[in-house]
C-alpha atoms as a PDB file:
ATOM      1  CA  MET A   1     -16.892 320.992 -43.083  1.00  0.00           C
ATOM      2  CA  THR A   2     -17.573 323.468 -46.114  1.00  0.00           C
ATOM      3  CA  LYS A   3     -15.441 326.778 -47.067  1.00  0.00           C
ATOM      4  CA  PRO A   4     -16.599 330.235 -47.196  1.00  0.00           C
ATOM      5  CA  VAL A   5     -17.527 331.320 -49.992  1.00  0.00           C
ATOM      6  CA  LEU A   6     -17.185 335.040 -49.527  1.00  0.00           C
ATOM      7  CA  LYS A   7     -14.352 337.021 -47.107  1.00  0.00           C
ATOM      8  CA  TRP A   8     -15.601 339.100 -45.188  1.00  0.00           C
ATOM      9  CA  ALA A   9     -14.569 341.408 -42.956  1.00  0.00           C
ATOM     10  CA  GLY A  10     -15.069 340.065 -39.125  1.00  0.00           C
ATOM     11  CA  GLY A  11     -14.876 336.291 -39.551  1.00  0.00           C
ATOM     12  CA  LYS A  12     -14.348 333.971 -37.774  1.00  0.00           C
ATOM     13  CA  ARG A  13     -11.836 331.498 -39.506  1.00  0.00           C
ATOM     14  CA  GLN A  14      -9.091 332.921 -36.826  1.00  0.00           C
ATOM     15  CA  LEU A  15     -11.282 332.036 -33.743  1.00  0.00           C
ATOM     16  CA  LEU A  16     -12.748 328.339 -34.399  1.00  0.00           C
ATOM     17  CA  ASP A  17     -11.425 327.075 -31.923  1.00  0.00           C
ATOM     18  CA  GLU A  18     -11.975 329.149 -28.832  1.00  0.00           C
ATOM     19  CA  ILE A  19     -15.689 329.136 -29.970  1.00  0.00           C
ATOM     20  CA  TYR A  20     -16.545 325.603 -29.444  1.00  0.00           C
ATOM     21  CA  ALA A  21     -14.336 325.337 -26.872  1.00  0.00           C
ATOM     22  CA  ARG A  22     -17.544 326.862 -25.354  1.00  0.00           C
ATOM     23  CA  PHE A  23     -20.154 325.009 -27.361  1.00  0.00           C
ATOM     24  CA  PRO A  24     -22.790 322.737 -24.858  1.00  0.00           C
ATOM     25  CA  GLU A  25     -22.151 318.774 -25.102  1.00  0.00           C
ATOM     26  CA  SER A  26     -24.866 318.596 -27.153  1.00  0.00           C
ATOM     27  CA  TYR A  27     -27.676 321.008 -28.172  1.00  0.00           C
ATOM     28  CA  ASP A  28     -31.337 321.153 -30.562  1.00  0.00           C
ATOM     29  CA  ARG A  29     -31.147 323.536 -33.293  1.00  0.00           C
ATOM     30  CA  TYR A  30     -28.298 325.959 -34.414  1.00  0.00           C
ATOM     31  CA  HIS A  31     -29.186 329.478 -35.308  1.00  0.00           C
ATOM     32  CA  GLU A  32     -26.643 332.687 -36.091  1.00  0.00           C
ATOM     33  CA  PRO A  33     -28.602 335.826 -36.328  1.00  0.00           C
ATOM     34  CA  MET A  34     -25.956 337.661 -37.240  1.00  0.00           C
ATOM     35  CA  PHE A  35     -24.479 335.808 -40.569  1.00  0.00           C
ATOM     36  CA  GLY A  36     -22.124 337.351 -41.967  1.00  0.00           C
ATOM     37  CA  GLY A  37     -19.615 335.239 -43.655  1.00  0.00           C
ATOM     38  CA  GLY A  38     -20.492 332.370 -41.794  1.00  0.00           C
ATOM     39  CA  ALA A  39     -17.194 330.860 -41.182  1.00  0.00           C
ATOM     40  CA  LEU A  40     -18.392 328.716 -38.264  1.00  0.00           C
ATOM     41  CA  PHE A  41     -22.031 327.989 -39.693  1.00  0.00           C
ATOM     42  CA  PHE A  42     -19.922 326.262 -42.428  1.00  0.00           C
ATOM     43  CA  ASP A  43     -17.481 324.880 -40.607  1.00  0.00           C
ATOM     44  CA  LEU A  44     -20.205 323.388 -38.567  1.00  0.00           C
ATOM     45  CA  GLU A  45     -22.805 322.329 -40.688  1.00  0.00           C
ATOM     46  CA  PRO A  46     -25.085 322.060 -38.559  1.00  0.00           C
ATOM     47  CA  GLY A  47     -27.886 321.269 -40.451  1.00  0.00           C
ATOM     48  CA  ASP A  48     -31.382 322.766 -39.153  1.00  0.00           C
ATOM     49  CA  GLY A  49     -31.839 326.670 -37.719  1.00  0.00           C
ATOM     50  CA  THR A  50     -32.102 329.872 -39.472  1.00  0.00           C
ATOM     51  CA  ILE A  51     -29.445 331.988 -39.967  1.00  0.00           C
ATOM     52  CA  ASN A  52     -30.158 336.303 -40.515  1.00  0.00           C
ATOM     53  CA  ASP A  53     -28.165 339.379 -42.038  1.00  0.00           C
ATOM     54  CA  THR A  54     -29.825 342.971 -42.042  1.00  0.00           C
ATOM     55  CA  ASN A  55     -28.049 342.848 -46.036  1.00  0.00           C
ATOM     56  CA  PRO A  56     -30.447 342.546 -48.288  1.00  0.00           C
ATOM     57  CA  ARG A  57     -27.878 341.353 -51.037  1.00  0.00           C
ATOM     58  CA  LEU A  58     -26.357 339.608 -49.096  1.00  0.00           C
ATOM     59  CA  VAL A  59     -29.331 337.109 -47.858  1.00  0.00           C
ATOM     60  CA  ASN A  60     -30.418 336.867 -51.655  1.00  0.00           C
ATOM     61  CA  PHE A  61     -26.782 335.540 -52.516  1.00  0.00           C
ATOM     62  CA  TYR A  62     -27.802 332.591 -50.044  1.00  0.00           C
ATOM     63  CA  GLU A  63     -30.294 331.804 -51.037  1.00  0.00           C
ATOM     64  CA  LYS A  64     -29.283 331.601 -54.124  1.00  0.00           C
ATOM     65  CA  VAL A  65     -26.492 329.881 -53.382  1.00  0.00           C
ATOM     66  CA  ARG A  66     -28.875 327.615 -51.608  1.00  0.00           C
ATOM     67  CA  ASP A  67     -31.465 327.456 -54.669  1.00  0.00           C
ATOM     68  CA  SER A  68     -29.604 327.763 -57.913  1.00  0.00           C
ATOM     69  CA  PRO A  69     -26.174 327.141 -57.277  1.00  0.00           C
ATOM     70  CA  GLU A  70     -25.443 325.761 -61.003  1.00  0.00           C
ATOM     71  CA  GLU A  71     -27.532 328.902 -62.210  1.00  0.00           C
ATOM     72  CA  LEU A  72     -24.918 331.029 -60.285  1.00  0.00           C
ATOM     73  CA  ILE A  73     -21.535 329.809 -61.100  1.00  0.00           C
ATOM     74  CA  GLU A  74     -22.512 329.705 -64.552  1.00  0.00           C
ATOM     75  CA  GLN A  75     -23.162 333.812 -64.382  1.00  0.00           C
ATOM     76  CA  CYS A  76     -20.542 334.456 -62.342  1.00  0.00           C
ATOM     77  CA  ARG A  77     -18.367 332.482 -65.192  1.00  0.00           C
ATOM     78  CA  SER A  78     -19.834 335.338 -67.636  1.00  0.00           C
ATOM     79  CA  PHE A  79     -17.878 337.483 -65.994  1.00  0.00           C
ATOM     80  CA  GLU A  80     -14.466 339.458 -67.255  1.00  0.00           C
ATOM     81  CA  HIS A  81     -11.188 340.322 -65.950  1.00  0.00           C
ATOM     82  CA  PRO A  82     -11.806 343.096 -63.922  1.00  0.00           C
ATOM     83  CA  GLU A  83      -9.097 345.231 -65.850  1.00  0.00           C
ATOM     84  CA  ASN A  84     -10.358 344.060 -68.628  1.00  0.00           C
ATOM     85  CA  GLU A  85     -12.588 347.449 -70.854  1.00  0.00           C
ATOM     86  CA  PRO A  86     -16.800 347.726 -70.002  1.00  0.00           C
ATOM     87  CA  ASP A  87     -18.740 345.580 -71.381  1.00  0.00           C
ATOM     88  CA  PRO A  88     -20.446 348.444 -74.664  1.00  0.00           C
ATOM     89  CA  SER A  89     -23.239 346.260 -74.725  1.00  0.00           C
ATOM     90  CA  ARG A  90     -25.182 346.502 -70.680  1.00  0.00           C
ATOM     91  CA  GLU A  91     -25.321 350.373 -68.723  1.00  0.00           C
ATOM     92  CA  PHE A  92     -22.869 351.530 -67.241  1.00  0.00           C
ATOM     93  CA  SER A  93     -20.546 351.045 -70.227  1.00  0.00           C
ATOM     94  CA  ASP A  94     -18.938 355.383 -70.822  1.00  0.00           C
ATOM     95  CA  SER A  95     -20.199 356.351 -67.471  1.00  0.00           C
ATOM     96  CA  ASP A  96     -21.377 355.608 -63.923  1.00  0.00           C
ATOM     97  CA  ARG A  97     -24.900 357.236 -62.568  1.00  0.00           C
ATOM     98  CA  LYS A  98     -22.184 360.686 -60.960  1.00  0.00           C
ATOM     99  CA  ALA A  99     -21.877 361.161 -64.406  1.00  0.00           C
ATOM    100  CA  LYS A 100     -17.918 359.637 -63.489  1.00  0.00           C
ATOM    101  CA  ASP A 101     -16.049 357.553 -66.501  1.00  0.00           C
ATOM    102  CA  VAL A 102     -16.139 354.260 -66.214  1.00  0.00           C
ATOM    103  CA  GLU A 103     -13.365 353.057 -67.459  1.00  0.00           C
ATOM    104  CA  GLN A 104     -12.683 349.309 -66.659  1.00  0.00           C
ATOM    105  CA  TYR A 105     -14.908 346.213 -66.710  1.00  0.00           C
ATOM    106  CA  TYR A 106     -15.249 345.805 -62.561  1.00  0.00           C
ATOM    107  CA  TYR A 107     -16.403 349.638 -62.390  1.00  0.00           C
ATOM    108  CA  GLN A 108     -19.184 348.971 -64.988  1.00  0.00           C
ATOM    109  CA  GLN A 109     -20.386 346.131 -63.041  1.00  0.00           C
ATOM    110  CA  ARG A 110     -20.233 347.476 -59.882  1.00  0.00           C
ATOM    111  CA  ALA A 111     -22.492 349.799 -61.088  1.00  0.00           C
ATOM    112  CA  LEU A 112     -24.431 347.430 -62.797  1.00  0.00           C
ATOM    113  CA  PHE A 113     -24.696 345.340 -58.936  1.00  0.00           C
ATOM    114  CA  ASN A 114     -26.235 349.186 -57.055  1.00  0.00           C
ATOM    115  CA  ARG A 115     -29.453 348.891 -59.479  1.00  0.00           C
ATOM    116  CA  ARG A 116     -31.258 347.785 -56.154  1.00  0.00           C
ATOM    117  CA  PRO A 117     -30.486 350.642 -53.321  1.00  0.00           C
ATOM    118  CA  TYR A 118     -30.625 352.835 -56.410  1.00  0.00           C
ATOM    119  CA  GLY A 119     -34.384 351.635 -57.369  1.00  0.00           C
ATOM    120  CA  ASP A 120     -33.839 349.908 -60.430  1.00  0.00           C
ATOM    121  CA  GLU A 121     -35.260 346.786 -61.476  1.00  0.00           C
ATOM    122  CA  TYR A 122     -31.997 344.355 -61.704  1.00  0.00           C
ATOM    123  CA  ASP A 123     -32.073 340.260 -61.422  1.00  0.00           C
ATOM    124  CA  GLU A 124     -31.723 338.204 -58.367  1.00  0.00           C
ATOM    125  CA  LEU A 125     -29.473 335.658 -59.890  1.00  0.00           C
ATOM    126  CA  GLU A 126     -27.345 338.633 -61.437  1.00  0.00           C
ATOM    127  CA  GLU A 127     -27.137 340.402 -58.592  1.00  0.00           C
ATOM    128  CA  ALA A 128     -25.934 337.518 -56.051  1.00  0.00           C
ATOM    129  CA  ALA A 129     -23.715 336.266 -59.269  1.00  0.00           C
ATOM    130  CA  LEU A 130     -22.039 340.261 -59.097  1.00  0.00           C
ATOM    131  CA  LEU A 131     -21.547 340.273 -55.091  1.00  0.00           C
ATOM    132  CA  LEU A 132     -19.614 337.033 -55.474  1.00  0.00           C
ATOM    133  CA  TYR A 133     -17.809 338.650 -58.154  1.00  0.00           C
ATOM    134  CA  LEU A 134     -16.845 342.163 -56.222  1.00  0.00           C
ATOM    135  CA  ASN A 135     -16.233 340.700 -53.170  1.00  0.00           C
ATOM    136  CA  ARG A 136     -13.578 338.209 -55.055  1.00  0.00           C
ATOM    137  CA  THR A 137     -12.193 340.901 -57.213  1.00  0.00           C
ATOM    138  CA  CYS A 138     -12.554 344.383 -55.066  1.00  0.00           C
ATOM    139  CA  TYR A 139     -10.055 346.044 -53.120  1.00  0.00           C
ATOM    140  CA  ASN A 140      -8.920 343.438 -50.088  1.00  0.00           C
ATOM    141  CA  GLY A 141     -12.648 342.025 -49.783  1.00  0.00           C
ATOM    142  CA  LEU A 142     -13.868 344.279 -48.718  1.00  0.00           C
ATOM    143  CA  TYR A 143     -17.492 344.656 -48.001  1.00  0.00           C
ATOM    144  CA  ARG A 144     -18.859 348.474 -47.485  1.00  0.00           C
ATOM    145  CA  GLU A 145     -22.157 350.788 -48.203  1.00  0.00           C
ATOM    146  CA  ASN A 146     -21.855 354.122 -48.576  1.00  0.00           C
ATOM    147  CA  ARG A 147     -25.445 356.199 -46.706  1.00  0.00           C
ATOM    148  CA  SER A 148     -27.450 355.341 -50.004  1.00  0.00           C
ATOM    149  CA  GLY A 149     -26.485 352.505 -49.286  1.00  0.00           C
ATOM    150  CA  GLY A 150     -24.187 351.190 -52.770  1.00  0.00           C
ATOM    151  CA  PHE A 151     -21.011 349.209 -52.210  1.00  0.00           C
ATOM    152  CA  ASN A 152     -18.630 351.975 -53.311  1.00  0.00           C
ATOM    153  CA  VAL A 153     -15.043 349.623 -52.632  1.00  0.00           C
ATOM    154  CA  PRO A 154     -12.978 350.100 -55.641  1.00  0.00           C
ATOM    155  CA  ILE A 155     -11.241 347.597 -57.247  1.00  0.00           C
ATOM    156  CA  GLY A 156      -8.148 345.776 -55.706  1.00  0.00           C
ATOM    157  CA  ARG A 157      -4.860 343.854 -57.480  1.00  0.00           C
ATOM    158  CA  TYR A 158      -4.731 340.343 -58.371  1.00  0.00           C
ATOM    159  CA  SER A 159      -2.650 338.382 -60.882  1.00  0.00           C
ATOM    160  CA  ASN A 160      -5.228 335.610 -60.938  1.00  0.00           C
ATOM    161  CA  PRO A 161      -8.527 336.397 -59.183  1.00  0.00           C
ATOM    162  CA  ASP A 162     -11.011 333.429 -58.730  1.00  0.00           C
ATOM    163  CA  TRP A 163     -14.275 334.946 -58.688  1.00  0.00           C
ATOM    164  CA  VAL A 164     -16.140 331.348 -59.659  1.00  0.00           C
ATOM    165  CA  ARG A 165     -15.762 329.257 -57.073  1.00  0.00           C
ATOM    166  CA  ALA A 166     -17.803 326.820 -58.382  1.00  0.00           C
ATOM    167  CA  ASP A 167     -16.715 323.556 -55.543  1.00  0.00           C
ATOM    168  CA  GLU A 168     -17.434 326.218 -52.889  1.00  0.00           C
ATOM    169  CA  VAL A 169     -20.877 327.578 -53.906  1.00  0.00           C
ATOM    170  CA  ARG A 170     -21.808 323.743 -54.729  1.00  0.00           C
ATOM    171  CA  SER A 171     -20.443 322.866 -51.216  1.00  0.00           C
ATOM    172  CA  ALA A 172     -22.491 325.509 -49.674  1.00  0.00           C
ATOM    173  CA  SER A 173     -24.919 325.373 -50.841  1.00  0.00           C
ATOM    174  CA  GLU A 174     -25.529 321.778 -49.365  1.00  0.00           C
ATOM    175  CA  ALA A 175     -24.402 322.745 -46.563  1.00  0.00           C
ATOM    176  CA  VAL A 176     -27.865 325.741 -45.823  1.00  0.00           C
ATOM    177  CA  GLN A 177     -30.393 323.211 -47.778  1.00  0.00           C
ATOM    178  CA  ASN A 178     -32.184 322.442 -44.916  1.00  0.00           C
ATOM    179  CA  THR A 179     -31.459 325.969 -43.002  1.00  0.00           C
ATOM    180  CA  GLU A 180     -34.065 329.039 -43.102  1.00  0.00           C
ATOM    181  CA  ILE A 181     -32.653 332.272 -44.689  1.00  0.00           C
ATOM    182  CA  LEU A 182     -33.445 335.154 -43.345  1.00  0.00           C
ATOM    183  CA  ASN A 183     -33.172 339.025 -43.867  1.00  0.00           C
ATOM    184  CA  ARG A 184     -34.351 340.232 -40.277  1.00  0.00           C
ATOM    185  CA  ASP A 185     -33.845 342.491 -37.281  1.00  0.00           C
ATOM    186  CA  PHE A 186     -31.477 340.021 -35.094  1.00  0.00           C
ATOM    187  CA  GLU A 187     -34.281 340.737 -32.506  1.00  0.00           C
ATOM    188  CA  TYR A 188     -36.202 337.309 -34.532  1.00  0.00           C
ATOM    189  CA  ILE A 189     -34.507 335.631 -32.185  1.00  0.00           C
ATOM    190  CA  ILE A 190     -35.910 335.124 -29.012  1.00  0.00           C
ATOM    191  CA  ASP A 191     -39.124 334.412 -30.789  1.00  0.00           C
ATOM    192  CA  ARG A 192     -37.940 331.974 -32.824  1.00  0.00           C
ATOM    193  CA  ALA A 193     -34.863 330.261 -30.479  1.00  0.00           C
ATOM    194  CA  GLU A 194     -36.263 327.432 -28.389  1.00  0.00           C
ATOM    195  CA  GLU A 195     -35.237 326.121 -24.588  1.00  0.00           C
ATOM    196  CA  GLY A 196     -32.089 323.496 -25.843  1.00  0.00           C
ATOM    197  CA  ASP A 197     -31.174 326.002 -29.250  1.00  0.00           C
ATOM    198  CA  LEU A 198     -28.140 327.017 -29.691  1.00  0.00           C
ATOM    199  CA  VAL A 199     -27.243 331.140 -30.898  1.00  0.00           C
ATOM    200  CA  TYR A 200     -23.956 332.390 -31.674  1.00  0.00           C
ATOM    201  CA  LEU A 201     -24.557 335.915 -31.980  1.00  0.00           C
ATOM    202  CA  ASP A 202     -21.303 337.809 -33.999  1.00  0.00           C
ATOM    203  CA  PRO A 203     -22.107 341.747 -34.274  1.00  0.00           C
ATOM    204  CA  PRO A 204     -20.410 343.919 -36.146  1.00  0.00           C
ATOM    205  CA  TYR A 205     -17.660 345.713 -32.935  1.00  0.00           C
ATOM    206  CA  GLU A 206     -17.786 347.441 -31.035  1.00  0.00           C
ATOM    207  CA  PRO A 207     -15.077 350.141 -32.047  1.00  0.00           C
ATOM    208  CA  MET A 208     -11.882 349.614 -30.301  1.00  0.00           C
ATOM    209  CA  SER A 209     -11.199 352.886 -30.723  1.00  0.00           C
ATOM    210  CA  ALA A 210     -12.096 356.583 -32.744  1.00  0.00           C
ATOM    211  CA  THR A 211     -11.098 355.643 -35.519  1.00  0.00           C
ATOM    212  CA  GLU A 212     -11.292 352.142 -36.125  1.00  0.00           C
ATOM    213  CA  TYR A 213     -14.969 351.712 -38.865  1.00  0.00           C
ATOM    214  CA  PHE A 214     -16.326 348.296 -38.193  1.00  0.00           C
ATOM    215  CA  THR A 215     -19.828 348.989 -38.289  1.00  0.00           C
ATOM    216  CA  SER A 216     -20.305 350.799 -42.410  1.00  0.00           C
ATOM    217  CA  TYR A 217     -20.532 347.380 -43.264  1.00  0.00           C
ATOM    218  CA  SER A 218     -24.247 348.791 -44.976  1.00  0.00           C
ATOM    219  CA  LYS A 219     -25.913 351.739 -44.504  1.00  0.00           C
ATOM    220  CA  GLU A 220     -28.051 351.126 -41.101  1.00  0.00           C
ATOM    221  CA  GLY A 221     -24.453 351.004 -39.492  1.00  0.00           C
ATOM    222  CA  PHE A 222     -24.610 348.815 -35.979  1.00  0.00           C
ATOM    223  CA  GLY A 223     -24.078 351.371 -33.550  1.00  0.00           C
ATOM    224  CA  ARG A 224     -24.121 351.637 -28.811  1.00  0.00           C
ATOM    225  CA  LYS A 225     -27.833 351.651 -28.947  1.00  0.00           C
ATOM    226  CA  ASP A 226     -27.459 347.887 -31.111  1.00  0.00           C
ATOM    227  CA  GLN A 227     -25.087 346.427 -28.787  1.00  0.00           C
ATOM    228  CA  GLU A 228     -27.110 347.252 -25.887  1.00  0.00           C
ATOM    229  CA  ARG A 229     -30.082 346.386 -27.599  1.00  0.00           C
ATOM    230  CA  MET A 230     -27.988 342.676 -28.343  1.00  0.00           C
ATOM    231  CA  VAL A 231     -27.353 342.466 -24.685  1.00  0.00           C
ATOM    232  CA  GLU A 232     -31.058 342.883 -24.118  1.00  0.00           C
ATOM    233  CA  VAL A 233     -31.159 340.276 -25.960  1.00  0.00           C
ATOM    234  CA  ALA A 234     -29.107 337.554 -24.679  1.00  0.00           C
ATOM    235  CA  LYS A 235     -30.411 338.089 -21.606  1.00  0.00           C
ATOM    236  CA  GLU A 236     -33.805 337.052 -22.582  1.00  0.00           C
ATOM    237  CA  LEU A 237     -32.024 333.732 -24.943  1.00  0.00           C
ATOM    238  CA  ASP A 238     -30.367 332.710 -21.535  1.00  0.00           C
ATOM    239  CA  GLU A 239     -33.764 333.058 -19.739  1.00  0.00           C
ATOM    240  CA  ASN A 240     -36.089 331.607 -21.930  1.00  0.00           C
ATOM    241  CA  GLY A 241     -32.738 328.482 -21.917  1.00  0.00           C
ATOM    242  CA  VAL A 242     -31.428 329.027 -24.272  1.00  0.00           C
ATOM    243  CA  TYR A 243     -27.530 328.266 -25.085  1.00  0.00           C
ATOM    244  CA  VAL A 244     -25.245 331.570 -26.274  1.00  0.00           C
ATOM    245  CA  ILE A 245     -22.088 332.250 -27.730  1.00  0.00           C
ATOM    246  CA  LEU A 246     -21.731 335.565 -28.749  1.00  0.00           C
ATOM    247  CA  SER A 247     -17.556 337.745 -29.636  1.00  0.00           C
ATOM    248  CA  ASN A 248     -17.437 341.057 -29.650  1.00  0.00           C
ATOM    249  CA  SER A 249     -14.453 343.429 -29.532  1.00  0.00           C
ATOM    250  CA  GLY A 250     -12.575 343.720 -25.863  1.00  0.00           C
ATOM    251  CA  VAL A 251     -14.457 346.582 -25.334  1.00  0.00           C
ATOM    252  CA  THR A 252     -18.024 344.654 -24.670  1.00  0.00           C
ATOM    253  CA  TYR A 253     -16.646 342.777 -21.806  1.00  0.00           C
ATOM    254  CA  ASN A 254     -18.013 344.946 -18.682  1.00  0.00           C
ATOM    255  CA  MET A 255     -21.108 344.629 -20.974  1.00  0.00           C
ATOM    256  CA  TYR A 256     -22.118 340.953 -20.658  1.00  0.00           C
ATOM    257  CA  ASP A 257     -20.262 339.819 -17.224  1.00  0.00           C
ATOM    258  CA  GLU A 258     -22.605 342.410 -15.955  1.00  0.00           C
ATOM    259  CA  VAL A 259     -25.278 340.853 -16.799  1.00  0.00           C
ATOM    260  CA  GLY A 260     -24.071 336.947 -16.018  1.00  0.00           C
ATOM    261  CA  PHE A 261     -22.092 335.537 -18.513  1.00  0.00           C
ATOM    262  CA  ARG A 262     -18.921 333.903 -18.851  1.00  0.00           C
ATOM    263  CA  VAL A 263     -16.648 336.048 -20.046  1.00  0.00           C
ATOM    264  CA  GLU A 264     -12.703 335.773 -21.437  1.00  0.00           C
ATOM    265  CA  VAL A 265     -10.428 337.878 -24.018  1.00  0.00           C
ATOM    266  CA  GLU A 266      -9.111 336.228 -26.657  1.00  0.00           C
ATOM    267  CA  GLY A 267      -6.129 337.141 -29.504  1.00  0.00           C
ATOM    268  CA  ALA A 268      -7.603 337.329 -33.229  1.00  0.00           C
ATOM    269  CA  THR A 269      -6.202 338.007 -36.102  1.00  0.00           C
ATOM    270  CA  ARG A 270      -7.415 341.267 -38.227  1.00  0.00           C
ATOM    271  CA  SER A 271      -6.810 339.723 -42.007  1.00  0.00           C
ATOM    272  CA  ILE A 272      -9.246 343.226 -43.406  1.00  0.00           C
ATOM    273  CA  ASN A 273      -8.165 346.534 -42.678  1.00  0.00           C
ATOM    274  CA  SER A 274      -7.084 350.226 -45.371  1.00  0.00           C
ATOM    275  CA  ASP A 275      -4.311 350.297 -43.138  1.00  0.00           C
ATOM    276  CA  GLY A 276      -1.870 347.198 -43.456  1.00  0.00           C
ATOM    277  CA  THR A 277      -0.010 348.223 -40.538  1.00  0.00           C
ATOM    278  CA  ASN A 278      -3.111 347.550 -38.576  1.00  0.00           C
ATOM    279  CA  ARG A 279      -3.665 344.310 -39.650  1.00  0.00           C
ATOM    280  CA  GLY A 280      -2.750 341.679 -36.073  1.00  0.00           C
ATOM    281  CA  GLU A 281      -3.878 340.432 -33.299  1.00  0.00           C
ATOM    282  CA  VAL A 282      -6.069 342.155 -31.240  1.00  0.00           C
ATOM    283  CA  ASN A 283      -8.215 341.632 -28.115  1.00  0.00           C
ATOM    284  CA  GLU A 284     -11.656 339.762 -28.791  1.00  0.00           C
ATOM    285  CA  ILE A 285     -13.908 339.137 -26.437  1.00  0.00           C
ATOM    286  CA  ILE A 286     -16.256 335.082 -26.325  1.00  0.00           C
ATOM    287  CA  ALA A 287     -19.297 335.650 -23.578  1.00  0.00           C
ATOM    288  CA  THR A 288     -21.536 332.291 -23.225  1.00  0.00           C
ATOM    289  CA  ASN A 289     -24.324 331.554 -20.743  1.00  0.00           C
ATOM    290  CA  VAL A 290     -22.737 328.254 -21.072  1.00  0.00           C
ATOM    291  CA  PRO A 291     -21.470 326.475 -17.422  1.00  0.00           C
ATOM    292  CA  PRO A 292     -18.092 325.265 -18.149  1.00  0.00           C
ATOM    293  CA  ASP A 293     -19.122 321.959 -16.783  1.00  0.00           C
ATOM    294  CA  ASP A 294     -21.906 321.680 -19.334  1.00  0.00           C
ATOM    295  CA  CYS A 295     -19.271 322.141 -22.317  1.00  0.00           C
ATOM    296  CA  GLN A 296     -18.063 319.630 -25.067  1.00  0.00           C
ATOM    297  CA  LYS A 297     -14.823 318.395 -24.621  1.00  0.00           C
ATOM    298  CA  ALA A 298     -11.596 318.234 -27.456  1.00  0.00           C
ATOM    299  CA  GLY A 299     -13.511 316.629 -30.858  1.00  0.00           C
ATOM    300  CA  GLN A 300     -16.911 316.546 -30.675  1.00  0.00           C
ATOM    301  CA  ARG A 301     -17.507 319.124 -33.477  1.00  0.00           C
ATOM    302  CA  GLY A 302     -20.603 319.276 -34.545  1.00  0.00           C
ATOM    303  CA  LEU A 303     -23.437 317.435 -32.434  1.00  0.00           C
ATOM    304  CA  ALA A 304     -26.405 319.547 -32.781  1.00  0.00           C
ATOM    305  CA  GLY A 305     -28.828 317.338 -31.298  1.00  0.00           C
ATOM    306  CA  PHE A 306     -27.596 314.125 -29.965  1.00  0.00           C
END
């Protein structure tokens, strides 16, 4: 069992037992088309299959975790405390792209991290290290992009933040060694998953209300049409003999119930929210095409390919 390296909105550590309860007794390869922080994958350590995300910087991060863990760790060790003064030897030590004064090291690193979306040359290893650094030092571990794709979360307040996470990086590197890492739309899974494989779908959640913004993780967002596409993908996977487990917000219950999936409501704790009063238990659904009689019994985690 590996701990996730990143803190990511919508992480599934709170729901692991409920998700495992829907796993089939045996399956072939494991696929996760909307990876994010990968809490389920790292807990499972499946060893074969694919992981995918539409965020290219997140995908680059996991590629560097897999292929260059020691170099990534050393790069992270070179960073300074986020409240320090900017490094005068690097770009953005005085002002950012909008000519706003940069007075703390964190905001200089944020500007350097945003080289890619603004068309500047960038180093993939440095970008991966900066993603980890910002994830551990930004406000509440939130990942959010503006319409240009720029990461725009402000500095957090931590007495002793750990942005190196050497043990977690090394463990995660071992866990993804035999996994194909992709940067595509989630529909790739229709052609990649084969009969007997297991697919876990964890989309950005359909908002529970008009004031919630679960879809702001990237500039493209994830709207109602994407949710409807995901239902169609789940249906096609089911028709192809692929096991499917999917989690989403409670408002999508009928969407999956109507196409024949077994849908149940579970409670989950939301840990990332700008308003602390709104962090708490919310209704989520878990939908699956795995028949109840074919589900794993207690204590059967990780039987891929058994």
